[in-house]
Each structure stands twice: as C-alpha cells, then as structure tokens.
Amino acid sequence: MSPNVEGPTHTSSAAAPSASVLAAYGYCEAVTGAQARNFAYGIRLLPADKRQAMSALYAFSRRVDDIGDGTLAPAAKLARLEETRALLGRIRAEDIDEDDTDPVAVALAHAARRFPIPLGGLDELIDGVLMDVRGETYETWDDLKEYCRCVAGAIGRLSLGVFGTSAGGGLGANDAARAAEYADTLGLALQLTNILRDVREDAGNGRTYLPAEDLAKFGCSEGFHSDRMPAGSDFAGLVHHEVRRARALFVEGYRLLPLLDRRSGACVAAMAGIYRRLLDRIEREPEAVLRGRVSLPTHEKAYVAVRGLSGLDARTISRQSNRRRT
C-alpha cells in the first residue's frame, strides 16, 4: 500500500508554538502517557517537536478507537466516526484556529504544518474502526491483513511522516524509497501481536480477529470465552502459527531502522522491541493470554529502550541487509 502524501504544506522551521498550541500538545501527551504506556515509553526518546507530534497523532487515533470500543449503539458510533472524519477534513484544510476548544485538533493541525504527515492514514484508521463497528470477520490472513493495514500499517506510515528518513546507514536509495512499506509492515507486526495478546478481551467484546481458516485448522472456532479451550483444540499450535507470521513481519519491518535518524530509530526500536518481547512471552506460554493481559515489567522496557538508543538494532539490520545484497 503506497503512502498517502496529501495534507497541509509543512514547514521544517516553523516558529515556536504559541501558549495555546503548547497547552494542546500537553493535553495530548497526558492522554498518551495515561492510555498508551508502551507507545509513550518509545516516544520519550524523541526530540520535543517529534514527541509532541506523535502524541497528537496518538490522541486523535485514541479518539477514533474509543468510539469503536465504546458502548454507543452502532448507528451512533457510525455518526461519531463520520463527525471525526469531518474534523480531520478541517485539519487537512487548515481550518482549525489555535484557540479552538478541541486540543487534539489544535495539536494535530500544528503537527501537520510542522511535518509532512500523510493525514490520509487517519482516514484509513477510521475505515478500520468502521469494520469493527460493522462486525466484520476475516476468513483468511489476506483479509485480516487489510484490516491491520488500516488500523496499524497506516499508523506506521503516519509516524514516518514525523520521523523522516535518512539515506545513511549504508543502505541504497531503493531501500530508502521503501521506507513507507517497511513502516506499514512493522505496523502489521505490532497489530498481530496485539491481537494475540488480546484474544480473551476481544472475545468478551464479541470480536474475533484471527483468520477463520486458522481457527478451524487448530480446532479453535468456538472462540476464546474461557481461560480453557475445548478438548481437542490446539490453542498452542494456533498461537505458534501466528507468532511465526508476526516474526516474519518484524524481520521485514525492522529494515526501516537504518533509514531513520538515531533518535527516531531508537523510538521505533524501543516500541517494536517491547512488542517482540511480548511475542516471546506469548510463544513460551500461549495459554497466558487466556488468563489476562501479558505485559513487560518496567526494567525490561528500560533495557529495550537503551538497546534502541545505542543503535544496536539498526546496525544489526543494516549488516544483515548488506549481506543479502552481496
């Protein structure tokens, strides 16, 4: 899926944000810190302007997700999502004043002037949440992949608009041109990890994201409404099958790292590293996801962040890419 590059004209040397804009960014950073600890942990490694922009993107995305996950009737959710799409249109048209009463809109409008953010990715996110509201299910991985591209791949491409790319790291121009594809793929890897982690919670909300053909293959078509699977099912086999798929996506998506500057690469490495370690835990004990949410302790997240900031992951991927070409 190619990136959507439309949006407001950005200025790389924009004037310092006004007090109103700084307050709007502060609100978005508070939302991010309270509701997305893994994400917030990664963006701490960014300089202030990029951290603010990423918080604005998260806060808008969180609003969209909360509509889909909320308790409103489906018709009301559809109306709210279309209202949110209209707000995005106003942001795209630069029709948001700095003293607007919606801090998320103010922050995102400012971020879109600062950076070449492909705002069409947020339209894709809304499309993905509409799939949730309509109760869509996914027969095959190709079906699920399209959903994941809307709700997570698009976020990867939006983030790339903030991060920017660098032709450094020993990689060629062709690889740099594929940065958006790598960002999209890394988003898919993160989303599939989320789906595995949240199978019990999603089942409680009436949703099953894993492909129906995979569920049938491993005898898990009845769903995940208990901490135990029916006799004869192979839940561990299902999880290991999806883990292998996620790992392949991580391998491809990690090729993004050498294309980013040091701090942006550290941010991505920290967030992706946390999810890779979650995947390791899920692989070691698949049934744990039926008992509750699997998470990492703070000290382990700190280790992942230090590893990312050191550039170790980016250098490793660069060496591996160079070996493939020779």
Foldseek 3Di string as FASTA:
>chain_A
DDFQQAFDAADQDDDDDDPLLVVLLVVLLVVCVVPPVLLNLLLVLPPPLLSSLLSLVVVLLVVLVCLLLDDDQLVVSVVVLVVSVVLLVCLRVVNDDSPDPNSSSNSNSNSVRNWSFNSVLVVLLSVLSNCSSVQDEAADVVRLLSSLLNNFLSSLSRSCRSQPWACDLPDHPVLLVCLSVLSSLLRSLLVLLVLLLQQQVQVVVVHHHPHCVLCVVQVNNVGQPALDGDPRGDQLVSLVVSLVVSVVSCLSSLQNLSTGPLSSSLSSQLSSVQSNVSSVVCNVPVSVSSVHGDGDDPVVSVVSSVCSNVCVSVNVSSVVVVVVVD
